[in-house]
Amino acid sequence: MTVLILATALLIGFWIHEYWRHQRNVKAIPIRIHVNGTRGKSSVTRLIAAGLRAGGKRTVAKITGTLPRVVLPDGRESAIIRLMGANIIEQKYIFRHASSEKPDAIVVECMAVNPTFQWITERKFVRSTISVITNCRADHQDLMGCTEQSVTLSLSNTIPSGGICYTAENVHFGLLEKVAKKRHCQIRQIRPVDVTQQELAQFRYIEHAENVQLALAVCAEAGVPRDIAIRGMQSANPDPGALRKYVIHESRKVITFYNVFAANDPESTATVIGMVTGHLKNVEKIIILNSRGDRLYRSHQLVDEVVKLDYSYVLLTGEITDKVEAYALHAGIPRKQLFNLGEPLPEVIYNKVVELTNSESHVLGIGNMAGKIKYGAQIVAHFKHKSRKQNEELKWLKL
């Protein structure tokens, strides 16, 4: 009995010491930015960190995103190795590592989905001085509630007490404003009003004006001038899931592949597809919907959005294609336009795209990038490799 009491006392003492040490690490970093929202978290986190670095702020960033990464003050990236899966305790170790870099700022992407864990992450781990909520859309409704209002309330758990919050949310801004007021937090709504197409064209990938405007506002709050911040953003490495396109010429056919996997909530996916292919006529529009075993509901949501779109064919790939196929047929996708490919080598998917293309096609990869074997990432890598290989061959021919 004495041993049990002693062990319990030692364990409690260890917890108290760990909490004290973490709070010391947190307070050692004067600017703490917590990025939450339905879509664009990884991109905005990277943009803010790049802008701050360009402005002379020693900055550490932690991205959950497609591939979890820590971005160091010199811009180098380090992979986060998870032996037991994602856990919010990870944020404690990020701060421990960050404090050793003696940074002026840390930018942390919220890794929690569960509303309670979002609250704990903000109140106990990050304690942000600046909060960012990109937008509030229907996603992860199995955990955050079945309405956009409930999702908004869940995301509002990262609004700090006595700090400042920036958001690009429009529809549910009033709800965020009410929460911010209760927490004595200033909240500012940012709209993409002065980011030009010329500035967006300087990015190496397709970036949304809304994300850039939001990041610029946060950098300005931290004391970095706009012109310096945006130049830093334009030169930064994008997230592996960033919206990019790859053009391939195959047997007198032109195939343009878009990586839309990061926009995995239904509304964002439909918006991006409309943005990149909505104006196209007389070409095949081929959607590759990659599914994940633990995200069947999300696949159903994406099918519901696809039905509303202008498409030629839908290719189903991933872990649960039979279940997604059954739902797709029920939702109204014609059998002749639906192909269940499962998880073949990416070359098989590519060959199917070539087969379905008459002269020109635009191919959109949607759904889940990751999964047990990161199959979505493999599909992107294959199309990317094909495109880059052709570009290198063309360069040699021109020499």
Protein backbone atom coordinates (compact mmCIF):
# COMPACT_ATOMS: atom_id res chain seq x y z
CA MET A 1 0.00 0.00 0.00
CA THR A 2 2.84 2.37 0.88
CA VAL A 3 4.50 1.62 -2.46
CA LEU A 4 1.26 2.42 -4.32
CA ILE A 5 0.85 5.75 -2.50
CA LEU A 6 4.47 6.64 -3.17
CA ALA A 7 4.19 5.74 -6.85
CA THR A 8 1.00 7.82 -7.16
CA ALA A 9 2.66 10.80 -5.46
CA LEU A 10 5.69 10.53 -7.78
CA LEU A 11 3.43 10.33 -10.83
CA ILE A 12 1.45 13.40 -9.76
CA GLY A 13 4.69 15.22 -9.07
CA PHE A 14 5.97 14.31 -12.53
CA TRP A 15 2.76 15.61 -14.15
CA ILE A 16 2.99 18.88 -12.23
CA HIS A 17 6.63 19.30 -13.25
CA GLU A 18 5.85 18.55 -16.92
CA TYR A 19 3.00 21.05 -16.94
CA TRP A 20 5.20 23.72 -15.34
CA ARG A 21 7.98 23.04 -17.85
CA HIS A 22 5.57 23.26 -20.78
CA GLN A 23 4.14 26.55 -19.56
CA ARG A 24 7.68 27.91 -19.25
CA ASN A 25 8.37 26.87 -22.86
CA VAL A 26 5.14 28.52 -24.01
CA LYS A 27 5.83 31.82 -22.24
CA ALA A 28 9.35 31.92 -23.70
CA ILE A 29 7.85 32.47 -27.18
CA PRO A 30 6.22 35.93 -27.33
CA ILE A 31 4.16 35.46 -30.53
CA ARG A 32 2.06 32.29 -30.57
CA ILE A 33 -0.25 31.78 -33.55
CA HIS A 34 -2.83 28.96 -33.57
CA VAL A 35 -4.34 28.18 -37.00
CA ASN A 36 -7.69 26.37 -37.17
CA GLY A 37 -10.53 26.07 -39.70
CA THR A 38 -12.10 23.66 -42.13
CA ARG A 39 -9.89 24.24 -45.12
CA GLY A 40 -6.57 25.95 -45.82
CA LYS A 41 -4.99 25.49 -42.37
CA SER A 42 -1.73 24.02 -43.67
CA SER A 43 -1.37 26.60 -46.44
CA VAL A 44 -2.10 29.53 -44.12
CA THR A 45 0.31 28.18 -41.50
CA ARG A 46 3.09 27.98 -44.09
CA LEU A 47 2.25 31.41 -45.52
CA ILE A 48 2.30 33.10 -42.11
CA ALA A 49 5.58 31.45 -41.14
CA ALA A 50 7.18 32.43 -44.46
CA GLY A 51 6.01 36.03 -44.12
CA LEU A 52 7.33 36.29 -40.57
CA ARG A 53 10.69 34.80 -41.56
CA ALA A 54 10.99 37.30 -44.40
CA GLY A 55 10.33 40.07 -41.87
CA GLY A 56 13.25 38.98 -39.70
CA LYS A 57 11.23 37.09 -37.07
CA ARG A 58 12.80 33.82 -35.95
CA THR A 59 9.84 31.52 -36.53
CA VAL A 60 9.10 27.85 -35.96
CA ALA A 61 6.03 26.38 -37.67
CA LYS A 62 4.28 23.08 -37.13
CA ILE A 63 2.12 21.77 -39.98
CA THR A 64 -0.24 18.84 -39.55
CA GLY A 65 -1.36 18.83 -43.21
CA THR A 66 -0.76 16.14 -45.79
CA LEU A 67 2.60 15.25 -44.25
CA PRO A 68 3.30 16.45 -40.68
CA ARG A 69 6.29 18.78 -40.62
CA VAL A 70 8.21 21.20 -38.42
CA VAL A 71 9.58 24.21 -40.32
CA LEU A 72 12.69 25.63 -38.69
CA PRO A 73 13.70 29.32 -38.52
CA ASP A 74 15.94 28.95 -41.60
CA GLY A 75 13.10 27.41 -43.65
CA ARG A 76 14.39 23.84 -43.48
CA GLU A 77 11.78 21.18 -42.78
CA SER A 78 11.87 18.20 -40.48
CA ALA A 79 9.44 15.28 -40.64
CA ILE A 80 7.35 14.38 -37.60
CA ILE A 81 7.53 10.63 -36.99
CA ARG A 82 4.45 9.23 -35.27
CA LEU A 83 4.85 5.74 -33.86
CA MET A 84 1.38 5.63 -32.25
CA GLY A 85 -0.65 7.89 -34.56
CA ALA A 86 -1.64 11.53 -34.07
CA ASN A 87 -2.09 12.74 -30.49
CA ILE A 88 -2.46 16.28 -29.17
CA ILE A 89 0.30 15.58 -26.62
CA GLU A 90 2.53 16.07 -29.67
CA GLN A 91 2.10 19.83 -29.26
CA LYS A 92 3.97 19.71 -25.96
CA TYR A 93 7.03 18.22 -27.64
CA ILE A 94 6.79 20.74 -30.49
CA PHE A 95 7.02 23.59 -27.98
CA ARG A 96 9.88 21.87 -26.19
CA HIS A 97 11.81 21.65 -29.46
CA ALA A 98 10.78 25.15 -30.57
CA SER A 99 11.93 26.79 -27.34
CA SER A 100 15.45 25.46 -27.94
CA GLU A 101 15.50 27.54 -31.15
CA LYS A 102 14.74 30.70 -29.13
CA PRO A 103 12.16 31.90 -31.67
CA ASP A 104 10.27 35.17 -31.77
CA ALA A 105 7.18 33.36 -33.01
CA ILE A 106 5.62 29.93 -33.41
CA VAL A 107 2.82 29.11 -35.85
CA VAL A 108 0.92 25.93 -34.98
CA GLU A 109 -1.72 24.24 -37.10
CA CYS A 110 -4.51 22.83 -34.94
CA MET A 111 -4.33 19.03 -35.12
CA ALA A 112 -7.48 18.31 -33.11
CA VAL A 113 -10.92 17.62 -34.59
CA ASN A 114 -12.84 16.64 -31.47
CA PRO A 115 -14.25 19.85 -29.89
CA THR A 116 -12.96 18.95 -26.42
CA PHE A 117 -9.47 18.29 -27.75
CA GLN A 118 -9.55 21.60 -29.64
CA TRP A 119 -10.32 23.37 -26.37
CA ILE A 120 -7.54 21.52 -24.53
CA THR A 121 -5.03 22.20 -27.32
CA GLU A 122 -5.65 25.95 -27.13
CA ARG A 123 -6.03 26.38 -23.36
CA LYS A 124 -3.36 23.96 -22.14
CA PHE A 125 -0.82 23.60 -24.97
CA VAL A 126 -0.70 26.61 -27.32
CA ARG A 127 -2.20 29.55 -25.36
CA SER A 128 -2.15 31.65 -28.50
CA THR A 129 -1.67 35.39 -28.68
CA ILE A 130 -3.10 35.38 -32.22
CA SER A 131 -5.78 32.97 -33.37
CA VAL A 132 -6.68 32.20 -36.98
CA ILE A 133 -9.85 30.50 -38.17
CA THR A 134 -9.67 30.14 -41.95
CA ASN A 135 -13.31 29.21 -42.58
CA CYS A 136 -16.18 27.15 -41.16
CA ARG A 137 -17.60 24.55 -43.54
CA ALA A 138 -19.31 21.19 -43.23
CA ASP A 139 -16.59 18.63 -42.49
CA HIS A 140 -15.83 15.98 -39.86
CA GLN A 141 -19.51 16.15 -38.98
CA ASP A 142 -19.28 12.82 -37.17
CA LEU A 143 -17.18 14.60 -34.53
CA MET A 144 -18.07 18.30 -34.77
CA GLY A 145 -21.82 18.05 -35.33
CA CYS A 146 -24.13 17.74 -38.29
CA THR A 147 -24.61 21.44 -39.06
CA GLU A 148 -22.25 24.23 -40.11
CA GLN A 149 -23.24 26.10 -36.94
CA SER A 150 -22.02 23.22 -34.76
CA VAL A 151 -18.79 23.01 -36.77
CA THR A 152 -18.31 26.76 -36.25
CA LEU A 153 -18.79 26.42 -32.48
CA SER A 154 -16.32 23.56 -32.42
CA LEU A 155 -13.70 25.59 -34.30
CA SER A 156 -14.31 28.55 -32.00
CA ASN A 157 -12.72 26.55 -29.18
CA THR A 158 -9.35 27.88 -30.36
CA ILE A 159 -10.37 31.55 -29.98
CA PRO A 160 -8.13 32.73 -27.12
CA SER A 161 -9.08 34.71 -24.06
CA GLY A 162 -7.85 38.29 -24.28
CA GLY A 163 -6.07 37.80 -27.60
CA ILE A 164 -6.91 38.61 -31.20
CA CYS A 165 -8.54 36.42 -33.83
CA TYR A 166 -8.39 36.75 -37.62
CA THR A 167 -10.83 34.90 -39.85
CA ALA A 168 -11.89 34.78 -43.48
CA GLU A 169 -15.22 33.21 -42.55
CA ASN A 170 -18.18 35.12 -43.92
CA VAL A 171 -21.40 33.15 -43.45
CA HIS A 172 -20.92 32.31 -39.76
CA PHE A 173 -18.81 35.30 -38.72
CA GLY A 174 -21.55 36.51 -36.36
CA LEU A 175 -21.34 33.29 -34.35
CA LEU A 176 -17.56 33.56 -34.07
CA GLU A 177 -17.95 37.19 -33.05
CA LYS A 178 -20.27 36.25 -30.17
CA VAL A 179 -17.78 33.69 -28.85
CA ALA A 180 -14.89 36.16 -29.18
CA LYS A 181 -16.82 38.81 -27.27
CA LYS A 182 -17.42 36.42 -24.37
CA ARG A 183 -13.68 35.74 -24.22
CA HIS A 184 -12.73 39.43 -24.48
CA CYS A 185 -10.93 38.64 -27.72
CA GLN A 186 -10.73 41.08 -30.63
CA ILE A 187 -11.94 39.47 -33.85
CA ARG A 188 -11.30 40.80 -37.34
CA GLN A 189 -12.88 39.57 -40.53
CA ILE A 190 -10.54 39.49 -43.53
CA ARG A 191 -11.76 39.55 -47.11
CA PRO A 192 -9.49 39.16 -50.19
CA VAL A 193 -9.77 42.75 -51.39
CA ASP A 194 -6.25 43.79 -52.34
CA VAL A 195 -4.39 40.62 -53.35
CA THR A 196 -3.89 40.97 -57.10
CA GLN A 197 -3.82 38.29 -59.79
CA GLN A 198 -0.27 39.38 -60.60
CA GLU A 199 0.77 38.63 -57.01
CA LEU A 200 -0.96 35.25 -57.06
CA ALA A 201 0.77 34.41 -60.35
CA GLN A 202 4.14 34.68 -58.57
CA PHE A 203 3.36 31.59 -56.48
CA ARG A 204 4.70 28.25 -57.75
CA TYR A 205 1.33 26.63 -57.15
CA ILE A 206 -2.33 27.68 -57.22
CA GLU A 207 -2.92 29.68 -54.04
CA HIS A 208 -6.21 31.19 -52.92
CA ALA A 209 -6.39 34.98 -52.49
CA GLU A 210 -8.31 34.43 -49.24
CA ASN A 211 -5.42 32.47 -47.71
CA VAL A 212 -2.86 35.08 -48.74
CA GLN A 213 -4.97 37.97 -47.42
CA LEU A 214 -5.43 36.21 -44.09
CA ALA A 215 -1.70 35.49 -43.75
CA LEU A 216 -0.80 39.08 -44.68
CA ALA A 217 -3.11 40.41 -41.95
CA VAL A 218 -1.49 38.19 -39.32
CA CYS A 219 2.02 39.19 -40.45
CA ALA A 220 1.01 42.86 -40.25
CA GLU A 221 -0.25 42.27 -36.70
CA ALA A 222 3.19 40.87 -35.87
CA GLY A 223 4.90 43.94 -37.36
CA VAL A 224 5.95 42.70 -40.82
CA PRO A 225 5.23 45.08 -43.74
CA ARG A 226 3.01 43.76 -46.53
CA ASP A 227 5.58 43.94 -49.34
CA ILE A 228 8.17 42.03 -47.35
CA ALA A 229 5.68 39.41 -46.14
CA ILE A 230 4.25 38.60 -49.56
CA ARG A 231 7.70 38.19 -51.12
CA GLY A 232 8.53 35.70 -48.41
CA MET A 233 5.28 33.82 -49.04
CA GLN A 234 5.89 33.64 -52.79
CA SER A 235 9.29 32.02 -52.28
CA ALA A 236 8.23 29.51 -49.61
CA ASN A 237 7.76 25.79 -50.11
CA PRO A 238 4.08 24.82 -50.54
CA ASP A 239 2.36 22.06 -48.62
CA PRO A 240 2.59 18.69 -50.43
CA GLY A 241 -1.20 18.81 -50.70
CA ALA A 242 -1.27 22.28 -52.27
CA LEU A 243 -3.38 22.78 -55.37
CA ARG A 244 -1.07 22.20 -58.33
CA LYS A 245 -1.49 21.11 -61.93
CA TYR A 246 0.66 18.86 -64.09
CA VAL A 247 0.38 18.76 -67.89
CA ILE A 248 1.23 15.53 -69.75
CA HIS A 249 1.33 14.81 -73.49
CA GLU A 250 0.57 11.19 -74.31
CA SER A 251 -0.07 9.74 -77.80
CA ARG A 252 -1.25 13.08 -79.21
CA LYS A 253 -3.44 13.56 -76.17
CA VAL A 254 -3.12 16.32 -73.57
CA ILE A 255 -3.84 15.40 -69.96
CA THR A 256 -3.91 18.05 -67.21
CA PHE A 257 -3.92 16.64 -63.69
CA TYR A 258 -4.99 18.74 -60.69
CA ASN A 259 -4.10 17.76 -57.13
CA VAL A 260 -7.31 18.68 -55.27
CA PHE A 261 -6.85 16.10 -52.50
CA ALA A 262 -6.21 18.72 -49.80
CA ALA A 263 -9.66 20.28 -50.38
CA ASN A 264 -11.34 17.24 -48.89
CA ASP A 265 -14.49 18.79 -47.46
CA PRO A 266 -17.37 18.76 -49.97
CA GLU A 267 -17.89 22.52 -50.33
CA SER A 268 -14.21 23.29 -50.84
CA THR A 269 -13.80 20.44 -53.30
CA ALA A 270 -16.73 21.65 -55.42
CA THR A 271 -15.43 25.24 -55.28
CA VAL A 272 -11.94 24.28 -56.47
CA ILE A 273 -13.25 22.04 -59.24
CA GLY A 274 -15.47 24.87 -60.46
CA MET A 275 -12.54 27.28 -60.30
CA VAL A 276 -10.15 25.19 -62.41
CA THR A 277 -12.48 23.44 -64.86
CA GLY A 278 -15.83 25.27 -64.73
CA HIS A 279 -15.00 27.32 -67.84
CA LEU A 280 -13.87 24.35 -69.97
CA LYS A 281 -15.95 23.00 -72.84
CA ASN A 282 -15.61 19.99 -75.16
CA VAL A 283 -12.99 18.20 -73.04
CA GLU A 284 -13.20 15.14 -70.81
CA LYS A 285 -13.42 15.96 -67.11
CA ILE A 286 -12.29 12.92 -65.16
CA ILE A 287 -12.61 12.78 -61.37
CA ILE A 288 -10.46 10.37 -59.36
CA LEU A 289 -12.15 9.93 -55.97
CA ASN A 290 -9.77 8.28 -53.51
CA SER A 291 -11.41 6.79 -50.41
CA ARG A 292 -10.08 5.92 -46.98
CA GLY A 293 -11.31 3.11 -44.76
CA ASP A 294 -12.16 5.33 -41.81
CA ARG A 295 -13.73 8.13 -43.88
CA LEU A 296 -16.71 6.50 -45.61
CA TYR A 297 -19.06 9.33 -44.63
CA ARG A 298 -16.74 11.89 -46.23
CA SER A 299 -16.64 9.81 -49.43
CA HIS A 300 -20.45 9.82 -49.46
CA GLN A 301 -20.43 13.61 -49.09
CA LEU A 302 -18.01 13.98 -51.99
CA VAL A 303 -20.16 11.74 -54.17
CA ASP A 304 -23.14 13.97 -53.40
CA GLU A 305 -21.12 16.98 -54.63
CA VAL A 306 -19.79 15.19 -57.72
CA VAL A 307 -23.34 14.39 -58.85
CA LYS A 308 -24.00 18.14 -59.11
CA LEU A 309 -20.89 18.81 -61.22
CA ASP A 310 -20.14 18.66 -64.92
CA TYR A 311 -18.04 15.50 -65.29
CA SER A 312 -17.35 12.85 -67.92
CA TYR A 313 -16.12 9.96 -65.79
CA VAL A 314 -15.55 9.10 -62.12
CA LEU A 315 -12.75 6.70 -61.17
CA LEU A 316 -12.97 5.21 -57.68
CA THR A 317 -9.70 4.33 -55.95
CA GLY A 318 -8.65 3.57 -52.38
CA GLU A 319 -9.56 1.26 -49.53
CA ILE A 320 -13.39 1.04 -49.68
CA THR A 321 -14.25 1.44 -53.36
CA ASP A 322 -17.00 -1.21 -53.32
CA LYS A 323 -18.94 0.69 -50.66
CA VAL A 324 -18.37 4.01 -52.42
CA GLU A 325 -19.43 2.48 -55.75
CA ALA A 326 -22.72 1.24 -54.29
CA TYR A 327 -23.45 4.70 -52.89
CA ALA A 328 -22.42 6.45 -56.13
CA LEU A 329 -24.80 4.34 -58.21
CA HIS A 330 -27.59 5.01 -55.73
CA ALA A 331 -26.80 8.75 -55.83
CA GLY A 332 -27.25 8.85 -59.59
CA ILE A 333 -23.83 8.45 -61.22
CA PRO A 334 -24.45 6.36 -64.36
CA ARG A 335 -22.80 2.94 -64.47
CA LYS A 336 -21.13 3.68 -67.83
CA GLN A 337 -19.40 6.73 -66.33
CA LEU A 338 -18.24 5.01 -63.14
CA PHE A 339 -15.11 2.83 -62.83
CA ASN A 340 -14.16 0.96 -59.64
CA LEU A 341 -10.36 0.56 -59.83
CA GLY A 342 -9.55 -0.32 -56.22
CA GLU A 343 -5.87 0.06 -55.31
CA PRO A 344 -3.86 -0.90 -58.40
CA LEU A 345 -0.45 0.49 -59.28
CA PRO A 346 -0.82 4.19 -60.16
CA GLU A 347 0.25 3.31 -63.72
CA VAL A 348 -3.03 1.41 -64.13
CA ILE A 349 -4.99 4.52 -63.15
CA TYR A 350 -2.91 6.63 -65.53
CA ASN A 351 -3.51 4.20 -68.39
CA LYS A 352 -7.26 4.30 -67.71
CA VAL A 353 -7.20 8.10 -67.91
CA VAL A 354 -5.35 7.90 -71.24
CA GLU A 355 -7.89 5.37 -72.51
CA LEU A 356 -10.84 7.62 -71.58
CA THR A 357 -9.26 10.72 -73.13
CA ASN A 358 -10.14 11.51 -76.73
CA SER A 359 -7.84 14.46 -77.35
CA GLU A 360 -7.81 16.51 -74.13
CA SER A 361 -8.82 15.75 -70.55
CA HIS A 362 -8.67 17.51 -67.20
CA VAL A 363 -8.24 15.10 -64.31
CA LEU A 364 -9.06 16.03 -60.71
CA GLY A 365 -7.80 14.00 -57.78
CA ILE A 366 -10.19 14.42 -54.84
CA GLY A 367 -10.88 12.74 -51.52
CA ASN A 368 -8.20 11.55 -49.14
CA MET A 369 -4.52 12.07 -49.81
CA ALA A 370 -3.43 9.77 -47.01
CA GLY A 371 -4.68 6.49 -45.60
CA LYS A 372 -2.85 3.32 -44.62
CA ILE A 373 -0.49 3.46 -47.62
CA LYS A 374 -0.94 7.13 -48.60
CA TYR A 375 -2.48 5.99 -51.87
CA GLY A 376 -3.65 9.46 -52.88
CA ALA A 377 -0.08 10.70 -52.54
CA GLN A 378 1.09 7.87 -54.80
CA ILE A 379 -1.39 8.91 -57.50
CA VAL A 380 -0.21 12.52 -57.35
CA ALA A 381 3.44 11.43 -57.43
CA HIS A 382 2.86 9.36 -60.57
CA PHE A 383 1.23 12.16 -62.57
CA LYS A 384 3.85 14.60 -61.27
CA HIS A 385 6.67 12.29 -62.36
CA LYS A 386 5.18 11.88 -65.84
CA SER A 387 4.92 15.63 -66.26
CA ARG A 388 8.39 16.43 -64.96
CA LYS A 389 10.00 13.70 -67.04
CA GLN A 390 8.48 15.17 -70.20
CA ASN A 391 9.58 18.67 -69.23
CA GLU A 392 13.15 17.47 -68.72
CA GLU A 393 13.10 15.71 -72.11
CA LEU A 394 11.86 18.90 -73.79
CA LYS A 395 14.69 20.87 -72.18
CA TRP A 396 17.25 18.44 -73.56
CA LEU A 397 15.73 18.63 -77.04
CA LYS A 398 16.00 22.43 -76.98
CA LEU A 399 19.71 22.32 -76.06
